Amino acid sequence: GSLVGISASFTVAPAGTDLVLSVTKNGTLLHAASILTVTAGATLGRSVTFARGLYTFAAGDRLGVTVTTDGSWTATTSDLLVDIEIESVS
């Protein structure tokens, strides 16, 4: 299969600094470009899409998401919902 998108939804607008969502495969970064950067002051929803077949995985691989920010993040009361969209290949 392949990763075809990442989306993020917040209950409070991102503030203070950027937040980076990185897709991982088996605990390591899937690809340096398989990220979504949310800038401070952004809207409550952000997404990015990728071409089919660009960032691939195989049956049994474990996909995850890491969230990275620094000590300047001030939207500490915000809830975050992250979705990754995948396309399976049969």
Protein backbone atom coordinates (compact mmCIF):
# COMPACT_ATOMS: atom_id res chain seq x y z
CA GLY A 1 0.00 0.00 0.00
CA SER A 2 0.96 3.63 0.08
CA LEU A 3 0.41 6.75 2.15
CA VAL A 4 -1.76 9.22 0.24
CA GLY A 5 -2.56 11.84 2.88
CA ILE A 6 -2.28 13.24 6.41
CA SER A 7 -4.81 15.52 8.09
CA ALA A 8 -4.92 17.27 11.44
CA SER A 9 -7.82 18.85 13.30
CA PHE A 10 -7.51 21.05 16.40
CA THR A 11 -10.04 22.34 18.95
CA VAL A 12 -7.89 25.45 19.59
CA ALA A 13 -5.90 27.28 16.92
CA PRO A 14 -2.20 26.30 16.81
CA ALA A 15 -0.15 28.90 18.66
CA GLY A 16 3.37 29.73 19.75
CA THR A 17 5.37 27.65 17.28
CA ASP A 18 5.00 25.12 14.47
CA LEU A 19 3.83 21.56 15.07
CA VAL A 20 5.15 18.78 12.83
CA LEU A 21 3.36 15.47 12.21
CA SER A 22 5.60 12.76 10.79
CA VAL A 23 4.38 9.39 9.50
CA THR A 24 6.47 6.46 10.67
CA LYS A 25 6.81 2.91 9.40
CA ASN A 26 7.95 0.33 11.95
CA GLY A 27 9.10 3.13 14.26
CA THR A 28 11.21 5.11 11.79
CA LEU A 29 10.34 8.02 9.54
CA LEU A 30 8.57 6.72 6.41
CA HIS A 31 10.19 9.41 4.25
CA ALA A 32 11.55 12.91 4.91
CA ALA A 33 8.67 14.37 2.89
CA SER A 34 5.92 12.32 4.59
CA ILE A 35 5.17 15.11 7.05
CA LEU A 36 2.60 17.80 7.70
CA THR A 37 3.79 21.07 9.23
CA VAL A 38 1.14 23.15 10.99
CA THR A 39 2.19 26.75 11.50
CA ALA A 40 1.18 28.83 14.50
CA GLY A 41 -1.99 30.76 13.75
CA ALA A 42 -3.17 28.18 11.19
CA THR A 43 -6.81 27.23 10.88
CA LEU A 44 -8.32 24.42 12.95
CA GLY A 45 -7.75 21.93 10.13
CA ARG A 46 -4.81 21.18 7.84
CA SER A 47 -4.06 18.42 5.37
CA VAL A 48 -1.58 17.34 2.74
CA THR A 49 -1.86 14.71 0.01
CA PHE A 50 0.75 12.60 -1.73
CA ALA A 51 0.87 10.81 -5.06
CA ARG A 52 -0.17 7.16 -5.01
CA GLY A 53 2.77 4.76 -4.78
CA LEU A 54 5.23 7.39 -3.57
CA TYR A 55 5.50 6.39 0.13
CA THR A 56 4.95 2.66 0.30
CA PHE A 57 4.56 0.00 2.95
CA ALA A 58 3.98 -3.75 2.96
CA ALA A 59 1.63 -6.10 4.77
CA GLY A 60 2.74 -6.37 8.39
CA ASP A 61 4.36 -2.92 8.53
CA ARG A 62 3.18 -0.77 11.44
CA LEU A 63 2.32 2.83 10.58
CA GLY A 64 2.28 5.57 13.20
CA VAL A 65 2.48 9.33 13.66
CA THR A 66 4.89 11.34 15.77
CA VAL A 67 4.08 14.86 16.95
CA THR A 68 6.98 17.29 17.35
CA THR A 69 7.03 20.84 18.67
CA ASP A 70 9.26 22.84 20.95
CA GLY A 71 8.75 24.56 24.29
CA SER A 72 7.15 27.57 22.58
CA TRP A 73 3.91 25.71 21.76
CA THR A 74 1.16 27.55 23.65
CA ALA A 75 -2.03 25.87 22.45
CA THR A 76 -1.74 23.42 25.34
CA THR A 77 -5.51 23.05 25.81
CA SER A 78 -6.12 21.97 22.21
CA ASP A 79 -7.19 18.46 21.34
CA LEU A 80 -5.52 17.03 18.24
CA LEU A 81 -6.99 14.47 15.87
CA VAL A 82 -4.66 13.04 13.21
CA ASP A 83 -5.74 10.85 10.31
CA ILE A 84 -3.51 9.15 7.79
CA GLU A 85 -5.04 8.06 4.51
CA ILE A 86 -3.66 4.98 2.87
CA GLU A 87 -4.35 3.12 -0.32
CA SER A 88 -4.04 -0.60 -0.28
CA VAL A 89 -2.69 -2.51 -3.24
CA SER A 90 -3.97 -5.98 -3.95
